[in-house]
Protein backbone atom coordinates (compact mmCIF):
# COMPACT_ATOMS: atom_id res chain seq x y z
CA UNK A 1 -122.19 1.27 -2.52
CA UNK A 2 -125.31 -0.86 -1.81
CA UNK A 3 -125.05 -4.42 -3.88
CA UNK A 4 -127.45 -6.16 -1.60
CA UNK A 5 -129.93 -3.84 -3.67
CA UNK A 6 -128.25 -4.25 -6.48
CA UNK A 7 -126.27 -0.50 -5.90
CA UNK A 8 -129.97 1.16 -6.91
CA UNK A 9 -130.16 4.65 -5.74
CA UNK A 10 -132.32 5.76 -2.78
CA UNK A 11 -132.39 9.63 -1.83
CA UNK A 12 -129.52 9.75 0.40
CA UNK A 13 -127.64 8.01 -2.26
CA UNK A 14 -128.53 10.65 -4.73
CA UNK A 15 -127.84 13.26 -2.13
CA UNK A 16 -123.96 11.91 -1.37
CA UNK A 17 -123.56 11.40 -5.23
CA UNK A 18 -123.86 15.24 -5.54
CA UNK A 19 -122.03 16.11 -2.51
CA UNK A 20 -118.83 14.03 -3.69
CA UNK A 21 -118.95 15.50 -7.33
CA UNK A 22 -118.75 18.97 -5.65
CA UNK A 23 -115.93 17.94 -3.20
CA UNK A 24 -114.00 15.96 -6.31
CA UNK A 25 -114.35 19.26 -8.57
CA UNK A 26 -112.53 21.42 -5.76
CA UNK A 27 -109.72 18.86 -5.60
CA UNK A 28 -106.84 20.12 -7.89
CA UNK A 29 -104.44 17.30 -6.99
CA UNK A 30 -107.23 15.09 -8.66
CA UNK A 31 -106.64 14.49 -12.74
CA UNK A 32 -109.32 11.52 -13.40
CA UNK A 33 -112.06 10.07 -11.58
CA UNK A 34 -113.48 6.19 -11.62
CA UNK A 35 -116.90 5.26 -11.07
CA UNK A 36 -117.91 1.68 -10.46
CA UNK A 37 -120.53 -0.27 -8.49
CA UNK A 38 -119.86 -2.26 -5.37
CA UNK A 39 -120.33 -6.37 -5.76
CA UNK A 40 -120.35 -7.96 -9.37
CA UNK A 41 -123.94 -8.18 -10.26
CA UNK A 42 -124.71 -4.94 -10.92
CA UNK A 43 -123.16 -1.28 -11.94
CA UNK A 44 -126.51 0.57 -10.53
CA UNK A 45 -130.15 -1.10 -11.05
CA UNK A 46 -131.47 2.52 -11.10
CA UNK A 47 -133.78 4.23 -8.72
CA UNK A 48 -134.86 1.84 -5.72
CA UNK A 49 -138.58 1.92 -6.26
CA UNK A 50 -139.04 1.24 -2.54
CA UNK A 51 -137.43 4.85 -2.21
CA UNK A 52 -139.59 6.94 -4.05
CA UNK A 53 -142.95 4.52 -4.46
CA UNK A 54 -145.01 6.02 -1.67
CA UNK A 55 -144.15 9.80 -2.75
CA UNK A 56 -147.02 12.01 -4.19
CA UNK A 57 -147.08 13.18 -7.93
CA UNK A 58 -145.83 16.48 -6.52
CA UNK A 59 -143.09 15.17 -4.17
CA UNK A 60 -141.88 12.62 -6.97
CA UNK A 61 -140.99 15.34 -9.28
CA UNK A 62 -139.91 18.31 -7.10
CA UNK A 63 -137.70 16.05 -4.80
CA UNK A 64 -136.79 12.61 -6.06
CA UNK A 65 -136.54 13.96 -10.03
CA UNK A 66 -135.02 17.16 -9.70
CA UNK A 67 -132.46 16.29 -6.86
CA UNK A 68 -131.33 13.59 -9.16
CA UNK A 69 -130.89 15.88 -12.11
CA UNK A 70 -129.02 18.27 -9.92
CA UNK A 71 -126.53 14.88 -8.67
CA UNK A 72 -126.05 13.80 -12.21
CA UNK A 73 -125.54 17.50 -13.74
CA UNK A 74 -122.47 18.13 -10.92
CA UNK A 75 -121.18 14.89 -11.88
CA UNK A 76 -121.06 15.39 -15.95
CA UNK A 77 -119.86 18.94 -15.18
CA UNK A 78 -116.80 17.98 -12.71
CA UNK A 79 -113.25 19.28 -14.15
CA UNK A 80 -112.00 16.11 -14.35
CA UNK A 81 -112.42 13.24 -16.67
CA UNK A 82 -114.70 10.85 -15.27
CA UNK A 83 -114.57 7.20 -16.41
CA UNK A 84 -117.44 4.70 -15.68
CA UNK A 85 -116.56 1.04 -14.68
CA UNK A 86 -120.08 -0.73 -15.42
CA UNK A 87 -119.13 -4.39 -13.37
CA UNK A 88 -122.62 -5.20 -13.83
CA UNK A 89 -126.03 -4.48 -15.04
CA UNK A 90 -126.44 -0.88 -15.89
CA UNK A 91 -130.22 -0.39 -16.34
CA UNK A 92 -132.71 2.61 -15.92
CA UNK A 93 -131.40 5.58 -13.69
CA UNK A 94 -128.11 3.31 -13.61
CA UNK A 95 -127.37 4.21 -17.52
CA UNK A 96 -128.58 7.91 -16.83
CA UNK A 97 -125.68 7.72 -14.10
CA UNK A 98 -123.63 6.35 -16.82
CA UNK A 99 -123.71 8.67 -19.10
CA UNK A 100 -122.72 11.67 -16.68
CA UNK A 101 -119.46 10.00 -17.55
CA UNK A 102 -116.72 11.11 -20.64
CA UNK A 103 -115.66 7.41 -21.08
CA UNK A 104 -117.77 4.05 -20.17
CA UNK A 105 -115.72 0.73 -19.89
CA UNK A 106 -117.94 -2.31 -19.80
CA UNK A 107 -117.65 -5.75 -19.04
CA UNK A 108 -118.47 -8.14 -20.91
CA UNK A 109 -121.64 -9.94 -19.03
CA UNK A 110 -123.44 -6.70 -18.56
CA UNK A 111 -126.98 -5.47 -19.51
CA UNK A 112 -127.67 -2.11 -20.79
CA UNK A 113 -131.67 -0.36 -21.10
CA UNK A 114 -133.92 2.24 -19.97
CA UNK A 115 -136.64 0.12 -18.77
CA UNK A 116 -138.37 2.26 -16.79
CA UNK A 117 -141.92 2.60 -19.63
CA UNK A 118 -142.48 -0.74 -18.57
CA UNK A 119 -143.75 -0.02 -14.87
CA UNK A 120 -145.18 3.15 -16.34
CA UNK A 121 -142.86 5.97 -15.61
CA UNK A 122 -140.64 7.51 -18.07
CA UNK A 123 -136.22 7.76 -17.35
CA UNK A 124 -136.58 11.13 -14.92
CA UNK A 125 -132.69 11.48 -14.77
CA UNK A 126 -131.71 13.05 -18.17
CA UNK A 127 -132.47 9.86 -20.24
CA UNK A 128 -134.36 11.51 -22.68
CA UNK A 129 -131.96 14.29 -22.72
CA UNK A 130 -127.81 14.20 -21.75
CA UNK A 131 -128.46 10.18 -23.30
CA UNK A 132 -129.79 11.65 -26.58
CA UNK A 133 -126.94 13.88 -26.86
CA UNK A 134 -124.21 11.66 -25.83
CA UNK A 135 -125.50 8.49 -27.62
CA UNK A 136 -128.33 10.03 -30.46
CA UNK A 137 -131.95 9.79 -30.42
CA UNK A 138 -132.75 6.94 -32.19
CA UNK A 139 -130.94 4.42 -29.81
CA UNK A 140 -132.46 6.03 -27.27
CA UNK A 141 -136.11 5.50 -28.68
CA UNK A 142 -135.36 2.04 -28.74
CA UNK A 143 -134.67 1.63 -25.27
CA UNK A 144 -137.19 3.81 -23.91
CA UNK A 145 -140.12 2.87 -25.98
CA UNK A 146 -139.30 -0.86 -26.77
CA UNK A 147 -137.22 -1.57 -23.56
CA UNK A 148 -134.89 -3.14 -25.84
CA UNK A 149 -131.99 -4.44 -23.51
CA UNK A 150 -128.41 -4.69 -25.09
CA UNK A 151 -125.63 -6.85 -23.93
CA UNK A 152 -122.23 -5.05 -23.63
CA UNK A 153 -120.78 -5.68 -27.41
CA UNK A 154 -124.08 -4.39 -28.74
CA UNK A 155 -124.02 -1.52 -26.69
CA UNK A 156 -120.35 -0.70 -28.11
CA UNK A 157 -121.37 -0.87 -31.36
CA UNK A 158 -124.15 1.53 -30.77
CA UNK A 159 -122.03 3.89 -28.85
CA UNK A 160 -123.21 3.47 -25.49
CA UNK A 161 -119.84 2.19 -24.23
CA UNK A 162 -116.60 3.10 -25.25
CA UNK A 163 -114.97 -0.48 -24.61
CA UNK A 164 -115.51 -3.88 -23.49
CA UNK A 165 -113.82 -6.09 -21.21
CA UNK A 166 -113.39 -9.38 -19.66
CA UNK A 167 -115.58 -9.68 -16.45
CA UNK A 168 -113.85 -8.41 -13.11
CA UNK A 169 -111.08 -6.89 -15.31
CA UNK A 170 -112.82 -3.24 -16.02
CA UNK A 171 -111.71 -1.68 -12.57
CA UNK A 172 -107.84 -2.37 -14.09
CA UNK A 173 -108.50 -1.21 -17.39
CA UNK A 174 -110.02 1.96 -15.90
CA UNK A 175 -106.77 2.63 -13.92
CA UNK A 176 -104.64 2.27 -16.49
CA UNK A 177 -106.81 4.77 -18.82
CA UNK A 178 -106.91 7.40 -15.68
CA UNK A 179 -102.88 7.13 -15.30
CA UNK A 180 -102.69 7.91 -19.01
CA UNK A 181 -105.35 10.88 -18.49
CA UNK A 182 -103.33 12.13 -15.72
CA UNK A 183 -99.92 12.38 -17.51
CA UNK A 184 -101.86 14.79 -19.90
CA UNK A 185 -101.80 18.66 -18.99
CA UNK A 186 -104.54 18.64 -16.40
CA UNK A 187 -105.92 22.71 -17.28
CA UNK A 188 -105.56 21.82 -20.86
CA UNK A 189 -108.00 18.56 -20.17
CA UNK A 190 -110.27 20.25 -17.90
CA UNK A 191 -110.47 22.89 -20.79
CA UNK A 192 -111.16 20.14 -23.35
CA UNK A 193 -113.82 18.68 -21.10
CA UNK A 194 -115.39 22.00 -20.50
CA UNK A 195 -115.83 22.83 -24.27
CA UNK A 196 -116.98 19.68 -25.55
CA UNK A 197 -119.56 19.88 -22.85
CA UNK A 198 -120.45 23.49 -24.40
CA UNK A 199 -120.65 22.33 -28.08
CA UNK A 200 -122.97 19.26 -26.75
CA UNK A 201 -125.25 21.87 -25.06
CA UNK A 202 -124.40 20.33 -21.71
CA UNK A 203 -123.64 23.49 -20.11
CA UNK A 204 -123.45 27.21 -21.68
CA UNK A 205 -123.98 29.96 -19.90
CA UNK A 206 -121.81 29.08 -17.13
CA UNK A 207 -119.34 27.81 -19.21
CA UNK A 208 -119.17 31.22 -21.10
CA UNK A 209 -118.56 33.11 -18.22
CA UNK A 210 -115.96 30.88 -16.57
CA UNK A 211 -113.79 31.10 -19.41
CA UNK A 212 -114.46 34.74 -19.62
CA UNK A 213 -113.55 35.35 -16.02
CA UNK A 214 -110.10 33.12 -15.89
CA UNK A 215 -109.03 35.54 -19.08
CA UNK A 216 -110.03 38.55 -17.17
CA UNK A 217 -108.25 37.73 -13.88
């Protein structure tokens, strides 16, 4: 919720995302989660350059990148299915944030890409890892190495988003989908998501021991 900055993430927002993910994961009454950006221009423009440009390389790696990974990992691993509504441009860290979701709904005006190498940095919040697992290496190469930006319809063809909706209709579509998800067995959905994550390599050791612990309990 930072529309004046195109929802670019500063350090406090990164920490807040991690806290929110842990809180949501503990709520048994929550069966589906929707994530979107405030305003109409941007889902998330990525990391706020002003937030990290004065940091030393050591601080950048140990704080900005590390905490971003913790927050995004927590979002990707919540029990509940997570729907991202891309209601505006989704670039850099914004795409990495959207990649944590199980389903992505894009409004038809959005642009999607990983432009980081254009300013001499790399996608640092799993754009070269989780994004490759979920979208395939070649499409990530095109975005990361050439700066190619995709319109919503192109992104749907390449599997970067699951559905394209008219401008302004994304949240309603996500709410309808969340209702469908919520009508299904919550434990079955949670287990299905966990096992899909395991197959992707999203999480292994903790997931295996969690399943074993549940059987033994």
